[in-house]
Amino acid sequence: MNIYIFALMGLILGSVIGWFAPISIPANYAPYTSVAVLAALDAIFGGSRAALERVFDIQNFIIGFVANMVLAVFLVYIGNLIGINLYYVALIGFGIRVFLNVSAIRNIVMTKRL
């Protein structure tokens, strides 16, 4: 249970720092940043789901975290080069995965409580 407290504290601290940090992202990089953040959220929720299912592997999580972000940004970049807007495809794909992972987490938590 202590690991969840540290994770929650890290999430809160990171959110506060991110909210008050004077960092602005140029508009040209906004699609890449949003896709990278959504890919990172997908990896985080997938890792949380794996932890609740007792199959979490830190190496798999780190490789998936970095690979998802890099691949998502790369695909959006290549799409922009060839004139195809893959930004929306990546957002829809990762968005669906995030909602599926959150739904699975909710089901796991609810069945453990009942």
PDB file of N, CA and C in Angstrom:
ATOM      1  N   MET A   1       0.818  -1.202   0.000  1.00  0.00           N
ATOM      2  CA  MET A   1       0.000   0.000   0.000  1.00  0.00           C
ATOM      3  C   MET A   1       0.860   1.262   0.000  1.00  0.00           C
ATOM      4  N   ASN A   2       2.060   1.174   0.547  1.00  0.00           N
ATOM      5  CA  ASN A   2       2.931   2.351   0.590  1.00  0.00           C
ATOM      6  C   ASN A   2       3.312   2.829  -0.801  1.00  0.00           C
ATOM      7  N   ILE A   3       3.454   1.918  -1.739  1.00  0.00           N
ATOM      8  CA  ILE A   3       3.823   2.302  -3.099  1.00  0.00           C
ATOM      9  C   ILE A   3       2.741   3.176  -3.727  1.00  0.00           C
ATOM     10  N   TYR A   4       1.492   2.914  -3.404  1.00  0.00           N
ATOM     11  CA  TYR A   4       0.412   3.727  -3.951  1.00  0.00           C
ATOM     12  C   TYR A   4       0.415   5.130  -3.364  1.00  0.00           C
ATOM     13  N   ILE A   5       0.803   5.244  -2.109  1.00  0.00           N
ATOM     14  CA  ILE A   5       0.885   6.566  -1.484  1.00  0.00           C
ATOM     15  C   ILE A   5       1.986   7.381  -2.148  1.00  0.00           C
ATOM     16  N   PHE A   6       3.150   6.751  -2.393  1.00  0.00           N
ATOM     17  CA  PHE A   6       4.238   7.453  -3.067  1.00  0.00           C
ATOM     18  C   PHE A   6       3.860   7.821  -4.494  1.00  0.00           C
ATOM     19  N   ALA A   7       3.173   6.944  -5.180  1.00  0.00           N
ATOM     20  CA  ALA A   7       2.737   7.238  -6.545  1.00  0.00           C
ATOM     21  C   ALA A   7       1.758   8.403  -6.560  1.00  0.00           C
ATOM     22  N   LEU A   8       0.832   8.420  -5.628  1.00  0.00           N
ATOM     23  CA  LEU A   8      -0.138   9.514  -5.548  1.00  0.00           C
ATOM     24  C   LEU A   8       0.544  10.828  -5.189  1.00  0.00           C
ATOM     25  N   MET A   9       1.489  10.772  -4.254  1.00  0.00           N
ATOM     26  CA  MET A   9       2.222  11.988  -3.889  1.00  0.00           C
ATOM     27  C   MET A   9       3.031  12.504  -5.081  1.00  0.00           C
ATOM     28  N   GLY A  10       3.653  11.596  -5.838  1.00  0.00           N
ATOM     29  CA  GLY A  10       4.408  11.994  -7.021  1.00  0.00           C
ATOM     30  C   GLY A  10       3.513  12.609  -8.078  1.00  0.00           C
ATOM     31  N   LEU A  11       2.329  12.048  -8.248  1.00  0.00           N
ATOM     32  CA  LEU A  11       1.377  12.586  -9.212  1.00  0.00           C
ATOM     33  C   LEU A  11       0.930  13.991  -8.820  1.00  0.00           C
ATOM     34  N   ILE A  12       0.621  14.181  -7.549  1.00  0.00           N
ATOM     35  CA  ILE A  12       0.189  15.494  -7.067  1.00  0.00           C
ATOM     36  C   ILE A  12       1.319  16.509  -7.181  1.00  0.00           C
ATOM     37  N   LEU A  13       2.525  16.115  -6.753  1.00  0.00           N
ATOM     38  CA  LEU A  13       3.671  17.023  -6.824  1.00  0.00           C
ATOM     39  C   LEU A  13       3.992  17.389  -8.266  1.00  0.00           C
ATOM     40  N   GLY A  14       4.001  16.409  -9.157  1.00  0.00           N
ATOM     41  CA  GLY A  14       4.265  16.676 -10.565  1.00  0.00           C
ATOM     42  C   GLY A  14       3.209  17.572 -11.185  1.00  0.00           C
ATOM     43  N   SER A  15       1.959  17.375 -10.803  1.00  0.00           N
ATOM     44  CA  SER A  15       0.881  18.220 -11.334  1.00  0.00           C
ATOM     45  C   SER A  15       1.021  19.659 -10.864  1.00  0.00           C
ATOM     46  N   VAL A  16       1.357  19.835  -9.599  1.00  0.00           N
ATOM     47  CA  VAL A  16       1.530  21.196  -9.056  1.00  0.00           C
ATOM     48  C   VAL A  16       2.709  21.892  -9.731  1.00  0.00           C
ATOM     49  N   ILE A  17       3.824  21.176  -9.867  1.00  0.00           N
ATOM     50  CA  ILE A  17       4.987  21.771 -10.531  1.00  0.00           C
ATOM     51  C   ILE A  17       4.662  22.107 -11.982  1.00  0.00           C
ATOM     52  N   GLY A  18       3.998  21.195 -12.675  1.00  0.00           N
ATOM     53  CA  GLY A  18       3.622  21.438 -14.063  1.00  0.00           C
ATOM     54  C   GLY A  18       2.651  22.599 -14.217  1.00  0.00           C
ATOM     55  N   TRP A  19       1.770  22.770 -13.259  1.00  0.00           N
ATOM     56  CA  TRP A  19       0.776  23.848 -13.338  1.00  0.00           C
ATOM     57  C   TRP A  19       1.422  25.213 -13.160  1.00  0.00           C
ATOM     58  N   PHE A  20       2.375  25.309 -12.230  1.00  0.00           N
ATOM     59  CA  PHE A  20       2.973  26.600 -11.901  1.00  0.00           C
ATOM     60  C   PHE A  20       4.292  26.878 -12.619  1.00  0.00           C
ATOM     61  N   ALA A  21       4.839  25.922 -13.334  1.00  0.00           N
ATOM     62  CA  ALA A  21       6.094  26.138 -14.053  1.00  0.00           C
ATOM     63  C   ALA A  21       5.846  27.063 -15.249  1.00  0.00           C
ATOM     64  N   PRO A  22       6.729  28.033 -15.452  1.00  0.00           N
ATOM     65  CA  PRO A  22       6.526  28.988 -16.561  1.00  0.00           C
ATOM     66  C   PRO A  22       7.036  28.435 -17.886  1.00  0.00           C
ATOM     67  N   ILE A  23       6.482  27.303 -18.300  1.00  0.00           N
ATOM     68  CA  ILE A  23       6.900  26.677 -19.556  1.00  0.00           C
ATOM     69  C   ILE A  23       5.767  26.812 -20.558  1.00  0.00           C
ATOM     70  N   SER A  24       6.122  27.268 -21.750  1.00  0.00           N
ATOM     71  CA  SER A  24       5.120  27.330 -22.815  1.00  0.00           C
ATOM     72  C   SER A  24       5.633  26.526 -24.005  1.00  0.00           C
ATOM     73  N   ILE A  25       4.731  25.835 -24.644  1.00  0.00           N
ATOM     74  CA  ILE A  25       5.073  25.001 -25.789  1.00  0.00           C
ATOM     75  C   ILE A  25       4.623  25.735 -27.047  1.00  0.00           C
ATOM     76  N   PRO A  26       5.517  25.903 -28.014  1.00  0.00           N
ATOM     77  CA  PRO A  26       5.110  26.574 -29.259  1.00  0.00           C
ATOM     78  C   PRO A  26       3.968  25.826 -29.946  1.00  0.00           C
ATOM     79  N   ALA A  27       3.160  26.573 -30.645  1.00  0.00           N
ATOM     80  CA  ALA A  27       1.986  25.992 -31.300  1.00  0.00           C
ATOM     81  C   ALA A  27       2.369  24.928 -32.329  1.00  0.00           C
ATOM     82  N   ASN A  28       3.540  25.048 -32.922  1.00  0.00           N
ATOM     83  CA  ASN A  28       3.975  24.051 -33.912  1.00  0.00           C
ATOM     84  C   ASN A  28       4.193  22.682 -33.278  1.00  0.00           C
ATOM     85  N   TYR A  29       4.543  22.653 -32.000  1.00  0.00           N
ATOM     86  CA  TYR A  29       4.828  21.397 -31.315  1.00  0.00           C
ATOM     87  C   TYR A  29       3.634  20.851 -30.541  1.00  0.00           C
ATOM     88  N   ALA A  30       2.531  21.554 -30.531  1.00  0.00           N
ATOM     89  CA  ALA A  30       1.366  21.135 -29.752  1.00  0.00           C
ATOM     90  C   ALA A  30       0.839  19.753 -30.152  1.00  0.00           C
ATOM     91  N   PRO A  31       0.731  19.438 -31.439  1.00  0.00           N
ATOM     92  CA  PRO A  31       0.250  18.090 -31.776  1.00  0.00           C
ATOM     93  C   PRO A  31       1.182  16.990 -31.278  1.00  0.00           C
ATOM     94  N   TYR A  32       2.487  17.224 -31.381  1.00  0.00           N
ATOM     95  CA  TYR A  32       3.449  16.217 -30.929  1.00  0.00           C
ATOM     96  C   TYR A  32       3.403  16.054 -29.419  1.00  0.00           C
ATOM     97  N   THR A  33       3.297  17.156 -28.722  1.00  0.00           N
ATOM     98  CA  THR A  33       3.260  17.110 -27.257  1.00  0.00           C
ATOM     99  C   THR A  33       2.003  16.420 -26.765  1.00  0.00           C
ATOM    100  N   SER A  34       0.870  16.746 -27.358  1.00  0.00           N
ATOM    101  CA  SER A  34      -0.379  16.139 -26.899  1.00  0.00           C
ATOM    102  C   SER A  34      -0.402  14.640 -27.165  1.00  0.00           C
ATOM    103  N   VAL A  35       0.136  14.217 -28.292  1.00  0.00           N
ATOM    104  CA  VAL A  35       0.182  12.785 -28.592  1.00  0.00           C
ATOM    105  C   VAL A  35       1.151  12.088 -27.642  1.00  0.00           C
ATOM    106  N   ALA A  36       2.284  12.726 -27.355  1.00  0.00           N
ATOM    107  CA  ALA A  36       3.258  12.136 -26.433  1.00  0.00           C
ATOM    108  C   ALA A  36       2.677  12.011 -25.030  1.00  0.00           C
ATOM    109  N   VAL A  37       1.952  13.029 -24.582  1.00  0.00           N
ATOM    110  CA  VAL A  37       1.340  12.977 -23.246  1.00  0.00           C
ATOM    111  C   VAL A  37       0.273  11.880 -23.194  1.00  0.00           C
ATOM    112  N   LEU A  38      -0.533  11.763 -24.223  1.00  0.00           N
ATOM    113  CA  LEU A  38      -1.563  10.728 -24.237  1.00  0.00           C
ATOM    114  C   LEU A  38      -0.942   9.332 -24.297  1.00  0.00           C
ATOM    115  N   ALA A  39       0.149   9.183 -25.037  1.00  0.00           N
ATOM    116  CA  ALA A  39       0.852   7.892 -25.073  1.00  0.00           C
ATOM    117  C   ALA A  39       1.436   7.568 -23.700  1.00  0.00           C
ATOM    118  N   ALA A  40       1.958   8.584 -23.009  1.00  0.00           N
ATOM    119  CA  ALA A  40       2.490   8.367 -21.657  1.00  0.00           C
ATOM    120  C   ALA A  40       1.368   7.973 -20.698  1.00  0.00           C
ATOM    121  N   LEU A  41       0.225   8.627 -20.804  1.00  0.00           N
ATOM    122  CA  LEU A  41      -0.914   8.265 -19.958  1.00  0.00           C
ATOM    123  C   LEU A  41      -1.372   6.839 -20.232  1.00  0.00           C
ATOM    124  N   ASP A  42      -1.344   6.439 -21.488  1.00  0.00           N
ATOM    125  CA  ASP A  42      -1.698   5.068 -21.835  1.00  0.00           C
ATOM    126  C   ASP A  42      -0.757   4.083 -21.151  1.00  0.00           C
ATOM    127  N   ALA A  43       0.530   4.375 -21.178  1.00  0.00           N
ATOM    128  CA  ALA A  43       1.499   3.490 -20.536  1.00  0.00           C
ATOM    129  C   ALA A  43       1.308   3.478 -19.017  1.00  0.00           C
ATOM    130  N   ILE A  44       1.023   4.625 -18.435  1.00  0.00           N
ATOM    131  CA  ILE A  44       0.829   4.704 -16.984  1.00  0.00           C
ATOM    132  C   ILE A  44      -0.398   3.911 -16.552  1.00  0.00           C
ATOM    133  N   PHE A  45      -1.505   4.100 -17.261  1.00  0.00           N
ATOM    134  CA  PHE A  45      -2.713   3.352 -16.895  1.00  0.00           C
ATOM    135  C   PHE A  45      -2.552   1.863 -17.181  1.00  0.00           C
ATOM    136  N   GLY A  46      -1.838   1.529 -18.249  1.00  0.00           N
ATOM    137  CA  GLY A  46      -1.559   0.123 -18.527  1.00  0.00           C
ATOM    138  C   GLY A  46      -0.683  -0.493 -17.446  1.00  0.00           C
ATOM    139  N   GLY A  47       0.300   0.259 -16.965  1.00  0.00           N
ATOM    140  CA  GLY A  47       1.138  -0.220 -15.862  1.00  0.00           C
ATOM    141  C   GLY A  47       0.357  -0.369 -14.575  1.00  0.00           C
ATOM    142  N   SER A  48      -0.538   0.562 -14.325  1.00  0.00           N
ATOM    143  CA  SER A  48      -1.377   0.470 -13.123  1.00  0.00           C
ATOM    144  C   SER A  48      -2.285  -0.755 -13.194  1.00  0.00           C
ATOM    145  N   ARG A  49      -2.821  -0.999 -14.359  1.00  0.00           N
ATOM    146  CA  ARG A  49      -3.665  -2.185 -14.543  1.00  0.00           C
ATOM    147  C   ARG A  49      -2.852  -3.458 -14.314  1.00  0.00           C
ATOM    148  N   ALA A  50      -1.645  -3.493 -14.879  1.00  0.00           N
ATOM    149  CA  ALA A  50      -0.782  -4.667 -14.708  1.00  0.00           C
ATOM    150  C   ALA A  50      -0.412  -4.863 -13.237  1.00  0.00           C
ATOM    151  N   ALA A  51      -0.191  -3.768 -12.519  1.00  0.00           N
ATOM    152  CA  ALA A  51       0.136  -3.877 -11.095  1.00  0.00           C
ATOM    153  C   ALA A  51      -1.040  -4.450 -10.316  1.00  0.00           C
ATOM    154  N   LEU A  52      -2.249  -4.009 -10.643  1.00  0.00           N
ATOM    155  CA  LEU A  52      -3.421  -4.533  -9.955  1.00  0.00           C
ATOM    156  C   LEU A  52      -3.677  -6.001 -10.302  1.00  0.00           C
ATOM    157  N   GLU A  53      -3.282  -6.403 -11.511  1.00  0.00           N
ATOM    158  CA  GLU A  53      -3.438  -7.799 -11.920  1.00  0.00           C
ATOM    159  C   GLU A  53      -2.250  -8.658 -11.490  1.00  0.00           C
ATOM    160  N   ARG A  54      -1.301  -8.043 -10.811  1.00  0.00           N
ATOM    161  CA  ARG A  54      -0.098  -8.719 -10.294  1.00  0.00           C
ATOM    162  C   ARG A  54       0.782  -9.292 -11.401  1.00  0.00           C
ATOM    163  N   VAL A  55       0.848  -8.621 -12.549  1.00  0.00           N
ATOM    164  CA  VAL A  55       1.723  -9.043 -13.647  1.00  0.00           C
ATOM    165  C   VAL A  55       2.647  -7.907 -14.084  1.00  0.00           C
ATOM    166  N   PHE A  56       2.856  -6.916 -13.225  1.00  0.00           N
ATOM    167  CA  PHE A  56       3.654  -5.742 -13.564  1.00  0.00           C
ATOM    168  C   PHE A  56       5.132  -6.111 -13.677  1.00  0.00           C
ATOM    169  N   ASP A  57       5.770  -5.600 -14.726  1.00  0.00           N
ATOM    170  CA  ASP A  57       7.200  -5.773 -14.941  1.00  0.00           C
ATOM    171  C   ASP A  57       7.785  -4.401 -15.246  1.00  0.00           C
ATOM    172  N   ILE A  58       8.718  -3.938 -14.421  1.00  0.00           N
ATOM    173  CA  ILE A  58       9.245  -2.586 -14.554  1.00  0.00           C
ATOM    174  C   ILE A  58       9.967  -2.386 -15.879  1.00  0.00           C
ATOM    175  N   GLN A  59      10.702  -3.380 -16.347  1.00  0.00           N
ATOM    176  CA  GLN A  59      11.400  -3.242 -17.633  1.00  0.00           C
ATOM    177  C   GLN A  59      10.413  -3.100 -18.777  1.00  0.00           C
ATOM    178  N   ASN A  60       9.370  -3.903 -18.759  1.00  0.00           N
ATOM    179  CA  ASN A  60       8.340  -3.816 -19.782  1.00  0.00           C
ATOM    180  C   ASN A  60       7.650  -2.452 -19.731  1.00  0.00           C
ATOM    181  N   PHE A  61       7.417  -1.947 -18.527  1.00  0.00           N
ATOM    182  CA  PHE A  61       6.762  -0.649 -18.380  1.00  0.00           C
ATOM    183  C   PHE A  61       7.626   0.474 -18.948  1.00  0.00           C
ATOM    184  N   ILE A  62       8.904   0.491 -18.605  1.00  0.00           N
ATOM    185  CA  ILE A  62       9.781   1.570 -19.063  1.00  0.00           C
ATOM    186  C   ILE A  62       9.953   1.517 -20.579  1.00  0.00           C
ATOM    187  N   ILE A  63      10.157   0.329 -21.119  1.00  0.00           N
ATOM    188  CA  ILE A  63      10.310   0.198 -22.571  1.00  0.00           C
ATOM    189  C   ILE A  63       9.020   0.605 -23.279  1.00  0.00           C
ATOM    190  N   GLY A  64       7.883   0.174 -22.758  1.00  0.00           N
ATOM    191  CA  GLY A  64       6.603   0.550 -23.348  1.00  0.00           C
ATOM    192  C   GLY A  64       6.325   2.036 -23.239  1.00  0.00           C
ATOM    193  N   PHE A  65       6.689   2.627 -22.106  1.00  0.00           N
ATOM    194  CA  PHE A  65       6.480   4.061 -21.890  1.00  0.00           C
ATOM    195  C   PHE A  65       7.235   4.876 -22.931  1.00  0.00           C
ATOM    196  N   VAL A  66       8.528   4.604 -23.055  1.00  0.00           N
ATOM    197  CA  VAL A  66       9.364   5.359 -23.992  1.00  0.00           C
ATOM    198  C   VAL A  66       8.993   5.031 -25.435  1.00  0.00           C
ATOM    199  N   ALA A  67       8.817   3.752 -25.734  1.00  0.00           N
ATOM    200  CA  ALA A  67       8.518   3.350 -27.107  1.00  0.00           C
ATOM    201  C   ALA A  67       7.180   3.916 -27.579  1.00  0.00           C
ATOM    202  N   ASN A  68       6.162   3.906 -26.729  1.00  0.00           N
ATOM    203  CA  ASN A  68       4.862   4.472 -27.114  1.00  0.00           C
ATOM    204  C   ASN A  68       4.988   5.955 -27.447  1.00  0.00           C
ATOM    205  N   MET A  69       5.695   6.691 -26.593  1.00  0.00           N
ATOM    206  CA  MET A  69       5.833   8.129 -26.826  1.00  0.00           C
ATOM    207  C   MET A  69       6.613   8.413 -28.102  1.00  0.00           C
ATOM    208  N   VAL A  70       7.745   7.745 -28.271  1.00  0.00           N
ATOM    209  CA  VAL A  70       8.581   7.998 -29.447  1.00  0.00           C
ATOM    210  C   VAL A  70       7.848   7.591 -30.721  1.00  0.00           C
ATOM    211  N   LEU A  71       7.221   6.434 -30.712  1.00  0.00           N
ATOM    212  CA  LEU A  71       6.520   5.966 -31.902  1.00  0.00           C
ATOM    213  C   LEU A  71       5.340   6.881 -32.248  1.00  0.00           C
ATOM    214  N   ALA A  72       4.603   7.319 -31.257  1.00  0.00           N
ATOM    215  CA  ALA A  72       3.463   8.200 -31.518  1.00  0.00           C
ATOM    216  C   ALA A  72       3.921   9.525 -32.132  1.00  0.00           C
ATOM    217  N   VAL A  73       4.954  10.111 -31.558  1.00  0.00           N
ATOM    218  CA  VAL A  73       5.467  11.386 -32.084  1.00  0.00           C
ATOM    219  C   VAL A  73       6.040  11.170 -33.487  1.00  0.00           C
ATOM    220  N   PHE A  74       6.749  10.079 -33.684  1.00  0.00           N
ATOM    221  CA  PHE A  74       7.335   9.791 -34.997  1.00  0.00           C
ATOM    222  C   PHE A  74       6.248   9.620 -36.058  1.00  0.00           C
ATOM    223  N   LEU A  75       5.188   8.894 -35.738  1.00  0.00           N
ATOM    224  CA  LEU A  75       4.107   8.698 -36.705  1.00  0.00           C
ATOM    225  C   LEU A  75       3.414  10.008 -37.060  1.00  0.00           C
ATOM    226  N   VAL A  76       3.203  10.864 -36.067  1.00  0.00           N
ATOM    227  CA  VAL A  76       2.588  12.164 -36.344  1.00  0.00           C
ATOM    228  C   VAL A  76       3.518  13.008 -37.213  1.00  0.00           C
ATOM    229  N   TYR A  77       4.816  12.958 -36.925  1.00  0.00           N
ATOM    230  CA  TYR A  77       5.788  13.703 -37.719  1.00  0.00           C
ATOM    231  C   TYR A  77       5.813  13.213 -39.171  1.00  0.00           C
ATOM    232  N   ILE A  78       5.872  11.898 -39.363  1.00  0.00           N
ATOM    233  CA  ILE A  78       5.870  11.329 -40.714  1.00  0.00           C
ATOM    234  C   ILE A  78       4.562  11.677 -41.429  1.00  0.00           C
ATOM    235  N   GLY A  79       3.462  11.614 -40.705  1.00  0.00           N
ATOM    236  CA  GLY A  79       2.181  11.990 -41.295  1.00  0.00           C
ATOM    237  C   GLY A  79       2.170  13.431 -41.770  1.00  0.00           C
ATOM    238  N   ASN A  80       2.755  14.323 -40.986  1.00  0.00           N
ATOM    239  CA  ASN A  80       2.830  15.723 -41.398  1.00  0.00           C
ATOM    240  C   ASN A  80       3.717  15.896 -42.623  1.00  0.00           C
ATOM    241  N   LEU A  81       4.789  15.113 -42.714  1.00  0.00           N
ATOM    242  CA  LEU A  81       5.688  15.213 -43.876  1.00  0.00           C
ATOM    243  C   LEU A  81       4.998  14.792 -45.165  1.00  0.00           C
ATOM    244  N   ILE A  82       4.169  13.757 -45.094  1.00  0.00           N
ATOM    245  CA  ILE A  82       3.528  13.265 -46.319  1.00  0.00           C
ATOM    246  C   ILE A  82       2.126  13.835 -46.532  1.00  0.00           C
ATOM    247  N   GLY A  83       1.696  14.680 -45.604  1.00  0.00           N
ATOM    248  CA  GLY A  83       0.430  15.371 -45.793  1.00  0.00           C
ATOM    249  C   GLY A  83      -0.794  14.627 -45.290  1.00  0.00           C
ATOM    250  N   ILE A  84      -0.588  13.633 -44.446  1.00  0.00           N
ATOM    251  CA  ILE A  84      -1.709  12.895 -43.859  1.00  0.00           C
ATOM    252  C   ILE A  84      -1.744  13.240 -42.375  1.00  0.00           C
ATOM    253  N   ASN A  85      -2.892  13.633 -41.904  1.00  0.00           N
ATOM    254  CA  ASN A  85      -2.998  14.059 -40.510  1.00  0.00           C
ATOM    255  C   ASN A  85      -3.192  12.844 -39.599  1.00  0.00           C
ATOM    256  N   LEU A  86      -2.099  12.216 -39.218  1.00  0.00           N
ATOM    257  CA  LEU A  86      -2.150  11.052 -38.330  1.00  0.00           C
ATOM    258  C   LEU A  86      -2.304  11.442 -36.871  1.00  0.00           C
ATOM    259  N   TYR A  87      -2.320  12.716 -36.603  1.00  0.00           N
ATOM    260  CA  TYR A  87      -2.502  13.227 -35.246  1.00  0.00           C
ATOM    261  C   TYR A  87      -3.810  12.717 -34.652  1.00  0.00           C
ATOM    262  N   TYR A  88      -4.870  12.812 -35.416  1.00  0.00           N
ATOM    263  CA  TYR A  88      -6.177  12.377 -34.921  1.00  0.00           C
ATOM    264  C   TYR A  88      -6.250  10.866 -34.746  1.00  0.00           C
ATOM    265  N   VAL A  89      -5.600  10.136 -35.626  1.00  0.00           N
ATOM    266  CA  VAL A  89      -5.575   8.678 -35.514  1.00  0.00           C
ATOM    267  C   VAL A  89      -4.887   8.266 -34.214  1.00  0.00           C
ATOM    268  N   ALA A  90      -3.750   8.911 -33.926  1.00  0.00           N
ATOM    269  CA  ALA A  90      -3.019   8.601 -32.688  1.00  0.00           C
ATOM    270  C   ALA A  90      -3.846   8.974 -31.461  1.00  0.00           C
ATOM    271  N   LEU A  91      -4.483  10.132 -31.502  1.00  0.00           N
ATOM    272  CA  LEU A  91      -5.316  10.543 -30.359  1.00  0.00           C
ATOM    273  C   LEU A  91      -6.463   9.575 -30.125  1.00  0.00           C
ATOM    274  N   ILE A  92      -7.117   9.159 -31.187  1.00  0.00           N
ATOM    275  CA  ILE A  92      -8.235   8.218 -31.041  1.00  0.00           C
ATOM    276  C   ILE A  92      -7.735   6.866 -30.529  1.00  0.00           C
ATOM    277  N   GLY A  93      -6.654   6.379 -31.118  1.00  0.00           N
ATOM    278  CA  GLY A  93      -6.117   5.082 -30.699  1.00  0.00           C
ATOM    279  C   GLY A  93      -5.685   5.063 -29.249  1.00  0.00           C
ATOM    280  N   PHE A  94      -4.882   6.047 -28.853  1.00  0.00           N
ATOM    281  CA  PHE A  94      -4.433   6.082 -27.460  1.00  0.00           C
ATOM    282  C   PHE A  94      -5.572   6.433 -26.511  1.00  0.00           C
ATOM    283  N   GLY A  95      -6.495   7.272 -26.964  1.00  0.00           N
ATOM    284  CA  GLY A  95      -7.648   7.609 -26.125  1.00  0.00           C
ATOM    285  C   GLY A  95      -8.495   6.391 -25.814  1.00  0.00           C
ATOM    286  N   ILE A  96      -8.724   5.563 -26.815  1.00  0.00           N
ATOM    287  CA  ILE A  96      -9.493   4.328 -26.602  1.00  0.00           C
ATOM    288  C   ILE A  96      -8.767   3.422 -25.613  1.00  0.00           C
ATOM    289  N   ARG A  97      -7.443   3.287 -25.781  1.00  0.00           N
ATOM    290  CA  ARG A  97      -6.669   2.431 -24.875  1.00  0.00           C
ATOM    291  C   ARG A  97      -6.692   2.955 -23.444  1.00  0.00           C
ATOM    292  N   VAL A  98      -6.628   4.272 -23.278  1.00  0.00           N
ATOM    293  CA  VAL A  98      -6.692   4.845 -21.933  1.00  0.00           C
ATOM    294  C   VAL A  98      -8.025   4.515 -21.289  1.00  0.00           C
ATOM    295  N   PHE A  99      -9.121   4.710 -22.013  1.00  0.00           N
ATOM    296  CA  PHE A  99     -10.435   4.421 -21.451  1.00  0.00           C
ATOM    297  C   PHE A  99     -10.627   2.928 -21.166  1.00  0.00           C
ATOM    298  N   LEU A 100     -10.081   2.060 -22.013  1.00  0.00           N
ATOM    299  CA  LEU A 100     -10.164   0.624 -21.744  1.00  0.00           C
ATOM    300  C   LEU A 100      -9.380   0.247 -20.491  1.00  0.00           C
ATOM    301  N   ASN A 101      -8.193   0.828 -20.329  1.00  0.00           N
ATOM    302  CA  ASN A 101      -7.403   0.544 -19.130  1.00  0.00           C
ATOM    303  C   ASN A 101      -8.076   1.082 -17.869  1.00  0.00           C
ATOM    304  N   VAL A 102      -8.638   2.277 -17.951  1.00  0.00           N
ATOM    305  CA  VAL A 102      -9.341   2.842 -16.787  1.00  0.00           C
ATOM    306  C   VAL A 102     -10.555   1.987 -16.447  1.00  0.00           C
ATOM    307  N   SER A 103     -11.262   1.515 -17.459  1.00  0.00           N
ATOM    308  CA  SER A 103     -12.409   0.648 -17.217  1.00  0.00           C
ATOM    309  C   SER A 103     -11.978  -0.657 -16.560  1.00  0.00           C
ATOM    310  N   ALA A 104     -10.883  -1.236 -17.027  1.00  0.00           N
ATOM    311  CA  ALA A 104     -10.381  -2.479 -16.425  1.00  0.00           C
ATOM    312  C   ALA A 104      -9.928  -2.244 -14.989  1.00  0.00           C
ATOM    313  N   ILE A 105      -9.273  -1.105 -14.738  1.00  0.00           N
ATOM    314  CA  ILE A 105      -8.839  -0.769 -13.374  1.00  0.00           C
ATOM    315  C   ILE A 105     -10.055  -0.637 -12.462  1.00  0.00           C
ATOM    316  N   ARG A 106     -11.082   0.047 -12.960  1.00  0.00           N
ATOM    317  CA  ARG A 106     -12.300   0.206 -12.171  1.00  0.00           C
ATOM    318  C   ARG A 106     -12.922  -1.147 -11.853  1.00  0.00           C
ATOM    319  N   ASN A 107     -12.981  -2.027 -12.817  1.00  0.00           N
ATOM    320  CA  ASN A 107     -13.545  -3.365 -12.588  1.00  0.00           C
ATOM    321  C   ASN A 107     -12.726  -4.159 -11.573  1.00  0.00           C
ATOM    322  N   ILE A 108     -11.415  -4.076 -11.665  1.00  0.00           N
ATOM    323  CA  ILE A 108     -10.548  -4.787 -10.725  1.00  0.00           C
ATOM    324  C   ILE A 108     -10.745  -4.258  -9.319  1.00  0.00           C
ATOM    325  N   VAL A 109     -10.772  -2.943  -9.182  1.00  0.00           N
ATOM    326  CA  VAL A 109     -10.940  -2.335  -7.852  1.00  0.00           C
ATOM    327  C   VAL A 109     -12.306  -2.676  -7.275  1.00  0.00           C
ATOM    328  N   MET A 110     -13.332  -2.612  -8.105  1.00  0.00           N
ATOM    329  CA  MET A 110     -14.682  -2.873  -7.616  1.00  0.00           C
ATOM    330  C   MET A 110     -14.858  -4.348  -7.237  1.00  0.00           C
ATOM    331  N   THR A 111     -14.267  -5.279  -7.968  1.00  0.00           N
ATOM    332  CA  THR A 111     -14.418  -6.693  -7.625  1.00  0.00           C
ATOM    333  C   THR A 111     -13.595  -7.050  -6.399  1.00  0.00           C
ATOM    334  N   LYS A 112     -12.509  -6.356  -6.159  1.00  0.00           N
ATOM    335  CA  LYS A 112     -11.726  -6.640  -4.946  1.00  0.00           C
ATOM    336  C   LYS A 112     -12.412  -6.104  -3.711  1.00  0.00           C
ATOM    337  N   ARG A 113     -13.174  -5.037  -3.849  1.00  0.00           N
ATOM    338  CA  ARG A 113     -13.877  -4.453  -2.702  1.00  0.00           C
ATOM    339  C   ARG A 113     -15.116  -5.243  -2.331  1.00  0.00           C
ATOM    340  N   LEU A 114     -15.750  -5.840  -3.322  1.00  0.00           N
ATOM    341  CA  LEU A 114     -17.008  -6.560  -3.051  1.00  0.00           C
ATOM    342  C   LEU A 114     -16.751  -7.943  -2.627  1.00  0.00           C
TER     343      LEU A 114
END
